[in-house]
Amino acid sequence: MIDLNSKSAPAISGRMDWHIDQAIDSEDAEQPKRDYLGASVLGDPCERAVQYYSLETDPDSIPSGSKQDIFARGHWIEALMIRRLRAAGFILADVDPRTGKQFEASWLDGQVLGHPDGLLLHWMGDGASPIELPALWECKGLGSKWWKKVVKDGLRWTFPRYFGQMQLLMGGCNIPRGLFTAVNADTMERHHALVAFDQSTYANLLARAERIFLANQAGELLPRAFSDEARMECRMCNFSKTCWSPR
């Protein structure tokens, strides 16, 4: 009989995980690269970081193996919340019936695309709807630290990228309001926040996209938003080494 509590258990675990990680990496390698700038990155505090995305610059490191499951976890949480909201009484559309795929908003001749998690269209539950409808819906699964921060400080200040994403999608889908659902991935606590459409923010984000594409054509690199690479925003940036390396 195999003793699963023996010293060989860590070695078995390591071998098992190696095979699983290999399968994850192989699956990820087969995914097609985006040929557009996603609405989810345009609201980044640093314009140069957005430019790196638009240029399809390789990130400093590519998440592999179990780190990819952090992204998968977000999709699982989103699917669960769709079920929960529908059970609560919302008519939530997450697929465009015209295409059979996610709803899509497009700007600048398709150079910028966005895909909302869903559209809250009607309320079929008891009493009055808890929010005015229709509303754009975005859902994120967050670790406890960031979940608590977004509850305390709000979406705009905690995650400007997500806030910008919602502004673009509301403008692109012509919906004047949105609902942001944050789920604590550690405790499964939920937080829902209304986000109003802001025309000025929407216009500024599209102007930013145009500015970035013009800079790309001219071969120019836009300025950084921050002057110190030790800042948290720079340390967490996917292109920190590329951006700060000597030229």
C-alpha atoms as a PDB file:
ATOM      1  CA  MET A   1       0.000   0.000   0.000  1.00  0.00           C
ATOM      2  CA  ILE A   2       1.273   3.457  -0.885  1.00  0.00           C
ATOM      3  CA  ASP A   3       1.812   5.709   2.113  1.00  0.00           C
ATOM      4  CA  LEU A   4       0.510   9.071   0.932  1.00  0.00           C
ATOM      5  CA  ASN A   5       1.877  10.708   4.073  1.00  0.00           C
ATOM      6  CA  SER A   6       5.429   9.583   3.416  1.00  0.00           C
ATOM      7  CA  LYS A   7       8.312  11.838   2.407  1.00  0.00           C
ATOM      8  CA  SER A   8       7.661  10.949  -1.212  1.00  0.00           C
ATOM      9  CA  ALA A   9       4.366  12.849  -1.158  1.00  0.00           C
ATOM     10  CA  PRO A  10       5.965  16.247  -2.050  1.00  0.00           C
ATOM     11  CA  ALA A  11       7.780  14.642  -4.966  1.00  0.00           C
ATOM     12  CA  ILE A  12       4.531  13.121  -6.210  1.00  0.00           C
ATOM     13  CA  SER A  13       2.813  16.498  -5.885  1.00  0.00           C
ATOM     14  CA  GLY A  14       5.582  18.177  -7.831  1.00  0.00           C
ATOM     15  CA  ARG A  15       5.424  15.659 -10.655  1.00  0.00           C
ATOM     16  CA  MET A  16       1.642  15.912 -10.830  1.00  0.00           C
ATOM     17  CA  ASP A  17       1.775  19.698 -10.969  1.00  0.00           C
ATOM     18  CA  TRP A  18       4.483  19.657 -13.632  1.00  0.00           C
ATOM     19  CA  HIS A  19       2.202  17.713 -15.979  1.00  0.00           C
ATOM     20  CA  ILE A  20      -0.783  19.933 -15.185  1.00  0.00           C
ATOM     21  CA  ASP A  21       1.256  23.090 -15.751  1.00  0.00           C
ATOM     22  CA  GLN A  22       2.542  21.734 -19.056  1.00  0.00           C
ATOM     23  CA  ALA A  23      -1.052  21.192 -20.201  1.00  0.00           C
ATOM     24  CA  ILE A  24      -2.049  24.708 -19.090  1.00  0.00           C
ATOM     25  CA  ASP A  25       0.879  26.290 -20.926  1.00  0.00           C
ATOM     26  CA  SER A  26       0.158  24.270 -24.070  1.00  0.00           C
ATOM     27  CA  GLU A  27      -3.474  25.367 -24.046  1.00  0.00           C
ATOM     28  CA  ASP A  28      -2.501  29.000 -23.485  1.00  0.00           C
ATOM     29  CA  ALA A  29       0.004  28.913 -26.369  1.00  0.00           C
ATOM     30  CA  GLU A  30      -2.803  27.950 -28.741  1.00  0.00           C
ATOM     31  CA  GLN A  31      -4.840  31.046 -27.924  1.00  0.00           C
ATOM     32  CA  PRO A  32      -4.729  33.639 -30.746  1.00  0.00           C
ATOM     33  CA  LYS A  33      -3.118  36.987 -29.999  1.00  0.00           C
ATOM     34  CA  ARG A  34      -5.304  40.059 -29.974  1.00  0.00           C
ATOM     35  CA  ASP A  35      -5.033  42.276 -33.025  1.00  0.00           C
ATOM     36  CA  TYR A  36      -6.757  45.191 -31.304  1.00  0.00           C
ATOM     37  CA  LEU A  37      -6.396  47.358 -28.221  1.00  0.00           C
ATOM     38  CA  GLY A  38      -8.763  46.160 -25.511  1.00  0.00           C
ATOM     39  CA  ALA A  39     -11.054  48.570 -23.688  1.00  0.00           C
ATOM     40  CA  SER A  40      -9.866  46.966 -20.455  1.00  0.00           C
ATOM     41  CA  VAL A  41      -6.407  48.586 -20.701  1.00  0.00           C
ATOM     42  CA  LEU A  42      -7.170  52.092 -21.996  1.00  0.00           C
ATOM     43  CA  GLY A  43      -7.885  53.420 -18.516  1.00  0.00           C
ATOM     44  CA  ASP A  44      -4.456  52.471 -17.171  1.00  0.00           C
ATOM     45  CA  PRO A  45      -2.910  55.394 -15.248  1.00  0.00           C
ATOM     46  CA  CYS A  46       0.173  55.283 -17.518  1.00  0.00           C
ATOM     47  CA  GLU A  47      -0.229  56.141 -21.190  1.00  0.00           C
ATOM     48  CA  ARG A  48       3.071  54.484 -22.066  1.00  0.00           C
ATOM     49  CA  ALA A  49       1.844  51.196 -20.572  1.00  0.00           C
ATOM     50  CA  VAL A  50      -1.235  51.370 -22.807  1.00  0.00           C
ATOM     51  CA  GLN A  51       1.054  52.073 -25.762  1.00  0.00           C
ATOM     52  CA  TYR A  52       3.054  48.926 -25.002  1.00  0.00           C
ATOM     53  CA  TYR A  53      -0.191  46.951 -25.120  1.00  0.00           C
ATOM     54  CA  SER A  54      -1.126  48.548 -28.445  1.00  0.00           C
ATOM     55  CA  LEU A  55       2.294  47.652 -29.870  1.00  0.00           C
ATOM     56  CA  GLU A  56       1.849  44.034 -28.703  1.00  0.00           C
ATOM     57  CA  THR A  57       5.066  44.355 -26.723  1.00  0.00           C
ATOM     58  CA  ASP A  58       6.037  41.156 -24.922  1.00  0.00           C
ATOM     59  CA  PRO A  59       5.461  41.523 -21.167  1.00  0.00           C
ATOM     60  CA  ASP A  60       8.378  41.164 -18.774  1.00  0.00           C
ATOM     61  CA  SER A  61       7.074  37.750 -17.772  1.00  0.00           C
ATOM     62  CA  ILE A  62       4.261  35.589 -19.082  1.00  0.00           C
ATOM     63  CA  PRO A  63       2.003  33.985 -16.446  1.00  0.00           C
ATOM     64  CA  SER A  64       2.305  30.237 -16.733  1.00  0.00           C
ATOM     65  CA  GLY A  65       1.006  27.116 -15.074  1.00  0.00           C
ATOM     66  CA  SER A  66      -1.033  27.690 -11.939  1.00  0.00           C
ATOM     67  CA  LYS A  67      -0.789  31.487 -12.353  1.00  0.00           C
ATOM     68  CA  GLN A  68      -3.014  31.132 -15.405  1.00  0.00           C
ATOM     69  CA  ASP A  69      -5.657  29.645 -13.128  1.00  0.00           C
ATOM     70  CA  ILE A  70      -5.936  33.003 -11.374  1.00  0.00           C
ATOM     71  CA  PHE A  71      -7.411  34.332 -14.629  1.00  0.00           C
ATOM     72  CA  ALA A  72      -9.550  31.213 -14.992  1.00  0.00           C
ATOM     73  CA  ARG A  73     -10.860  31.790 -11.472  1.00  0.00           C
ATOM     74  CA  GLY A  74     -12.241  35.139 -12.614  1.00  0.00           C
ATOM     75  CA  HIS A  75     -14.204  33.420 -15.387  1.00  0.00           C
ATOM     76  CA  TRP A  76     -15.595  30.861 -12.947  1.00  0.00           C
ATOM     77  CA  ILE A  77     -16.723  33.610 -10.579  1.00  0.00           C
ATOM     78  CA  GLU A  78     -18.316  35.513 -13.459  1.00  0.00           C
ATOM     79  CA  ALA A  79     -20.258  32.426 -14.575  1.00  0.00           C
ATOM     80  CA  LEU A  80     -21.410  31.814 -10.996  1.00  0.00           C
ATOM     81  CA  MET A  81     -22.592  35.409 -10.581  1.00  0.00           C
ATOM     82  CA  ILE A  82     -24.542  35.230 -13.844  1.00  0.00           C
ATOM     83  CA  ARG A  83     -26.411  32.251 -12.388  1.00  0.00           C
ATOM     84  CA  ARG A  84     -26.987  34.071  -9.095  1.00  0.00           C
ATOM     85  CA  LEU A  85     -28.268  37.273 -10.689  1.00  0.00           C
ATOM     86  CA  ARG A  86     -30.618  35.367 -12.953  1.00  0.00           C
ATOM     87  CA  ALA A  87     -31.916  33.361 -10.010  1.00  0.00           C
ATOM     88  CA  ALA A  88     -32.474  36.621  -8.117  1.00  0.00           C
ATOM     89  CA  GLY A  89     -34.783  37.885 -10.885  1.00  0.00           C
ATOM     90  CA  PHE A  90     -32.621  39.723 -13.423  1.00  0.00           C
ATOM     91  CA  ILE A  91     -32.830  39.117 -17.142  1.00  0.00           C
ATOM     92  CA  LEU A  92     -29.101  39.159 -17.896  1.00  0.00           C
ATOM     93  CA  ALA A  93     -27.855  38.795 -21.450  1.00  0.00           C
ATOM     94  CA  ASP A  94     -24.235  37.672 -21.723  1.00  0.00           C
ATOM     95  CA  VAL A  95     -24.358  36.579 -25.383  1.00  0.00           C
ATOM     96  CA  ASP A  96     -25.334  38.673 -28.412  1.00  0.00           C
ATOM     97  CA  PRO A  97     -28.166  36.728 -30.120  1.00  0.00           C
ATOM     98  CA  ARG A  98     -27.051  38.120 -33.485  1.00  0.00           C
ATOM     99  CA  THR A  99     -23.607  36.518 -33.276  1.00  0.00           C
ATOM    100  CA  GLY A 100     -23.819  33.844 -30.600  1.00  0.00           C
ATOM    101  CA  LYS A 101     -20.751  35.456 -28.997  1.00  0.00           C
ATOM    102  CA  GLN A 102     -20.109  38.124 -26.379  1.00  0.00           C
ATOM    103  CA  PHE A 103     -21.518  41.566 -27.045  1.00  0.00           C
ATOM    104  CA  GLU A 104     -18.894  43.757 -28.702  1.00  0.00           C
ATOM    105  CA  ALA A 105     -18.340  47.510 -28.869  1.00  0.00           C
ATOM    106  CA  SER A 106     -15.958  48.926 -31.474  1.00  0.00           C
ATOM    107  CA  TRP A 107     -14.163  52.253 -31.891  1.00  0.00           C
ATOM    108  CA  LEU A 108     -11.698  53.776 -34.360  1.00  0.00           C
ATOM    109  CA  ASP A 109     -12.466  51.350 -37.171  1.00  0.00           C
ATOM    110  CA  GLY A 110     -12.041  48.305 -34.963  1.00  0.00           C
ATOM    111  CA  GLN A 111      -8.648  49.296 -33.561  1.00  0.00           C
ATOM    112  CA  VAL A 112     -10.241  49.352 -30.098  1.00  0.00           C
ATOM    113  CA  LEU A 113     -12.708  46.674 -29.025  1.00  0.00           C
ATOM    114  CA  GLY A 114     -14.555  45.966 -25.799  1.00  0.00           C
ATOM    115  CA  HIS A 115     -16.671  43.068 -24.594  1.00  0.00           C
ATOM    116  CA  PRO A 116     -19.002  43.564 -21.617  1.00  0.00           C
ATOM    117  CA  ASP A 117     -19.578  40.691 -19.223  1.00  0.00           C
ATOM    118  CA  GLY A 118     -23.302  41.217 -19.647  1.00  0.00           C
ATOM    119  CA  LEU A 119     -26.289  43.510 -19.962  1.00  0.00           C
ATOM    120  CA  LEU A 120     -28.909  43.695 -17.223  1.00  0.00           C
ATOM    121  CA  LEU A 121     -32.091  44.226 -19.224  1.00  0.00           C
ATOM    122  CA  HIS A 122     -35.155  43.576 -17.071  1.00  0.00           C
ATOM    123  CA  TRP A 123     -36.215  42.703 -13.544  1.00  0.00           C
ATOM    124  CA  MET A 124     -38.567  39.776 -12.977  1.00  0.00           C
ATOM    125  CA  GLY A 125     -38.151  39.465  -9.218  1.00  0.00           C
ATOM    126  CA  ASP A 126     -40.460  40.509  -6.390  1.00  0.00           C
ATOM    127  CA  GLY A 127     -41.182  44.200  -5.952  1.00  0.00           C
ATOM    128  CA  ALA A 128     -39.275  46.991  -7.628  1.00  0.00           C
ATOM    129  CA  SER A 129     -35.899  46.441  -9.210  1.00  0.00           C
ATOM    130  CA  PRO A 130     -33.018  47.271  -6.843  1.00  0.00           C
ATOM    131  CA  ILE A 131     -31.373  49.262  -9.650  1.00  0.00           C
ATOM    132  CA  GLU A 132     -32.553  51.233 -12.651  1.00  0.00           C
ATOM    133  CA  LEU A 133     -32.419  49.246 -15.878  1.00  0.00           C
ATOM    134  CA  PRO A 134     -30.985  48.633 -18.402  1.00  0.00           C
ATOM    135  CA  ALA A 135     -27.464  48.578 -17.010  1.00  0.00           C
ATOM    136  CA  LEU A 136     -24.113  47.371 -18.238  1.00  0.00           C
ATOM    137  CA  TRP A 137     -22.675  44.669 -15.968  1.00  0.00           C
ATOM    138  CA  GLU A 138     -19.038  43.948 -15.181  1.00  0.00           C
ATOM    139  CA  CYS A 139     -17.814  41.353 -12.690  1.00  0.00           C
ATOM    140  CA  LYS A 140     -14.371  40.837 -11.173  1.00  0.00           C
ATOM    141  CA  GLY A 141     -13.051  38.251  -8.746  1.00  0.00           C
ATOM    142  CA  LEU A 142     -10.542  39.870  -6.382  1.00  0.00           C
ATOM    143  CA  GLY A 143      -8.240  38.783  -3.584  1.00  0.00           C
ATOM    144  CA  SER A 144      -9.280  39.970  -0.114  1.00  0.00           C
ATOM    145  CA  LYS A 145      -6.846  42.898  -0.004  1.00  0.00           C
ATOM    146  CA  TRP A 146      -8.097  44.435  -3.247  1.00  0.00           C
ATOM    147  CA  TRP A 147     -11.733  43.555  -2.572  1.00  0.00           C
ATOM    148  CA  LYS A 148     -11.626  45.433   0.741  1.00  0.00           C
ATOM    149  CA  LYS A 149      -9.919  48.369  -0.938  1.00  0.00           C
ATOM    150  CA  VAL A 150     -12.540  48.670  -3.684  1.00  0.00           C
ATOM    151  CA  VAL A 151     -15.307  48.485  -1.061  1.00  0.00           C
ATOM    152  CA  LYS A 152     -13.606  51.233   0.971  1.00  0.00           C
ATOM    153  CA  ASP A 153     -12.284  53.562  -1.738  1.00  0.00           C
ATOM    154  CA  GLY A 154     -14.527  52.859  -4.729  1.00  0.00           C
ATOM    155  CA  LEU A 155     -13.858  51.584  -8.225  1.00  0.00           C
ATOM    156  CA  ARG A 156     -12.501  54.756  -9.820  1.00  0.00           C
ATOM    157  CA  TRP A 157      -9.653  55.206  -7.341  1.00  0.00           C
ATOM    158  CA  THR A 158      -8.859  51.547  -6.730  1.00  0.00           C
ATOM    159  CA  PHE A 159      -9.005  50.276 -10.309  1.00  0.00           C
ATOM    160  CA  PRO A 160      -8.911  53.144 -12.836  1.00  0.00           C
ATOM    161  CA  ARG A 161      -8.524  50.582 -15.631  1.00  0.00           C
ATOM    162  CA  TYR A 162     -11.796  48.867 -14.727  1.00  0.00           C
ATOM    163  CA  PHE A 163     -13.497  52.237 -14.320  1.00  0.00           C
ATOM    164  CA  GLY A 164     -12.271  53.307 -17.755  1.00  0.00           C
ATOM    165  CA  GLN A 165     -13.352  49.995 -19.233  1.00  0.00           C
ATOM    166  CA  MET A 166     -16.884  50.507 -17.940  1.00  0.00           C
ATOM    167  CA  GLN A 167     -17.008  54.075 -19.280  1.00  0.00           C
ATOM    168  CA  LEU A 168     -16.006  52.906 -22.753  1.00  0.00           C
ATOM    169  CA  LEU A 169     -18.471  50.035 -22.715  1.00  0.00           C
ATOM    170  CA  MET A 170     -21.352  52.179 -21.477  1.00  0.00           C
ATOM    171  CA  GLY A 171     -20.640  54.716 -24.201  1.00  0.00           C
ATOM    172  CA  GLY A 172     -20.147  52.066 -26.857  1.00  0.00           C
ATOM    173  CA  CYS A 173     -23.336  50.211 -25.901  1.00  0.00           C
ATOM    174  CA  ASN A 174     -25.289  53.466 -25.372  1.00  0.00           C
ATOM    175  CA  ILE A 175     -26.258  52.551 -21.796  1.00  0.00           C
ATOM    176  CA  PRO A 176     -26.154  55.394 -19.241  1.00  0.00           C
ATOM    177  CA  ARG A 177     -25.368  53.321 -16.165  1.00  0.00           C
ATOM    178  CA  GLY A 178     -23.446  50.253 -15.093  1.00  0.00           C
ATOM    179  CA  LEU A 179     -23.251  47.811 -12.206  1.00  0.00           C
ATOM    180  CA  PHE A 180     -19.843  46.651 -11.008  1.00  0.00           C
ATOM    181  CA  THR A 181     -19.859  43.402  -9.049  1.00  0.00           C
ATOM    182  CA  ALA A 182     -16.734  42.536  -7.069  1.00  0.00           C
ATOM    183  CA  VAL A 183     -16.472  39.096  -5.487  1.00  0.00           C
ATOM    184  CA  ASN A 184     -13.954  38.341  -2.756  1.00  0.00           C
ATOM    185  CA  ALA A 185     -12.275  35.216  -4.132  1.00  0.00           C
ATOM    186  CA  ASP A 186     -11.207  34.179  -0.615  1.00  0.00           C
ATOM    187  CA  THR A 187     -14.551  34.533   1.184  1.00  0.00           C
ATOM    188  CA  MET A 188     -17.029  34.822  -1.727  1.00  0.00           C
ATOM    189  CA  GLU A 189     -18.423  38.039  -0.224  1.00  0.00           C
ATOM    190  CA  ARG A 190     -20.065  40.232  -2.844  1.00  0.00           C
ATOM    191  CA  HIS A 191     -19.993  43.989  -3.356  1.00  0.00           C
ATOM    192  CA  HIS A 192     -22.144  45.787  -5.954  1.00  0.00           C
ATOM    193  CA  ALA A 193     -21.571  49.405  -6.988  1.00  0.00           C
ATOM    194  CA  LEU A 194     -23.417  51.593  -9.473  1.00  0.00           C
ATOM    195  CA  VAL A 195     -21.245  53.418 -12.004  1.00  0.00           C
ATOM    196  CA  ALA A 196     -22.701  56.407 -13.872  1.00  0.00           C
ATOM    197  CA  PHE A 197     -21.656  57.141 -17.430  1.00  0.00           C
ATOM    198  CA  ASP A 198     -19.347  60.150 -17.702  1.00  0.00           C
ATOM    199  CA  GLN A 199     -19.191  61.644 -21.198  1.00  0.00           C
ATOM    200  CA  SER A 200     -15.968  63.552 -20.489  1.00  0.00           C
ATOM    201  CA  THR A 201     -14.111  60.427 -19.355  1.00  0.00           C
ATOM    202  CA  TYR A 202     -15.414  58.527 -22.375  1.00  0.00           C
ATOM    203  CA  ALA A 203     -14.213  61.222 -24.799  1.00  0.00           C
ATOM    204  CA  ASN A 204     -10.826  61.483 -23.072  1.00  0.00           C
ATOM    205  CA  LEU A 205     -10.240  57.733 -23.344  1.00  0.00           C
ATOM    206  CA  LEU A 206     -10.997  57.724 -27.064  1.00  0.00           C
ATOM    207  CA  ALA A 207      -8.723  60.760 -27.531  1.00  0.00           C
ATOM    208  CA  ARG A 208      -6.016  58.858 -25.671  1.00  0.00           C
ATOM    209  CA  ALA A 209      -6.395  55.905 -28.060  1.00  0.00           C
ATOM    210  CA  GLU A 210      -6.042  58.210 -31.075  1.00  0.00           C
ATOM    211  CA  ARG A 211      -2.958  59.825 -29.528  1.00  0.00           C
ATOM    212  CA  ILE A 212      -1.363  56.430 -28.935  1.00  0.00           C
ATOM    213  CA  PHE A 213      -1.992  55.221 -32.482  1.00  0.00           C
ATOM    214  CA  LEU A 214      -0.541  58.442 -33.893  1.00  0.00           C
ATOM    215  CA  ALA A 215       2.548  58.039 -31.696  1.00  0.00           C
ATOM    216  CA  ASN A 216       2.918  54.455 -32.917  1.00  0.00           C
ATOM    217  CA  GLN A 217       2.834  55.617 -36.536  1.00  0.00           C
ATOM    218  CA  ALA A 218       5.447  58.265 -35.803  1.00  0.00           C
ATOM    219  CA  GLY A 219       7.677  55.806 -33.947  1.00  0.00           C
ATOM    220  CA  GLU A 220       7.476  57.874 -30.776  1.00  0.00           C
ATOM    221  CA  LEU A 221       7.338  56.524 -27.223  1.00  0.00           C
ATOM    222  CA  LEU A 222       4.923  58.435 -25.004  1.00  0.00           C
ATOM    223  CA  PRO A 223       5.989  59.719 -21.570  1.00  0.00           C
ATOM    224  CA  ARG A 224       5.650  57.625 -18.437  1.00  0.00           C
ATOM    225  CA  ALA A 225       3.006  58.638 -15.920  1.00  0.00           C
ATOM    226  CA  PHE A 226       5.489  58.277 -13.056  1.00  0.00           C
ATOM    227  CA  SER A 227       9.096  59.350 -12.542  1.00  0.00           C
ATOM    228  CA  ASP A 228      10.088  56.696  -9.986  1.00  0.00           C
ATOM    229  CA  GLU A 229      10.264  53.035 -10.948  1.00  0.00           C
ATOM    230  CA  ALA A 230       9.872  52.115  -7.265  1.00  0.00           C
ATOM    231  CA  ARG A 231       6.252  53.260  -7.308  1.00  0.00           C
ATOM    232  CA  MET A 232       3.707  50.485  -6.855  1.00  0.00           C
ATOM    233  CA  GLU A 233       2.134  51.213 -10.252  1.00  0.00           C
ATOM    234  CA  CYS A 234       5.500  50.717 -11.958  1.00  0.00           C
ATOM    235  CA  ARG A 235       6.430  47.636  -9.943  1.00  0.00           C
ATOM    236  CA  MET A 236       3.123  45.996 -10.854  1.00  0.00           C
ATOM    237  CA  CYS A 237       3.281  46.989 -14.528  1.00  0.00           C
ATOM    238  CA  ASN A 238       3.703  44.182 -17.053  1.00  0.00           C
ATOM    239  CA  PHE A 239       6.317  46.260 -18.891  1.00  0.00           C
ATOM    240  CA  SER A 240       8.346  47.682 -16.002  1.00  0.00           C
ATOM    241  CA  LYS A 241      11.708  46.179 -17.048  1.00  0.00           C
ATOM    242  CA  THR A 242      11.159  47.118 -20.692  1.00  0.00           C
ATOM    243  CA  CYS A 243      10.184  50.658 -19.777  1.00  0.00           C
ATOM    244  CA  TRP A 244      13.006  51.368 -17.312  1.00  0.00           C
ATOM    245  CA  SER A 245      15.856  49.511 -19.016  1.00  0.00           C
ATOM    246  CA  PRO A 246      18.694  51.720 -20.315  1.00  0.00           C
ATOM    247  CA  ARG A 247      18.387  52.598 -24.014  1.00  0.00           C
END
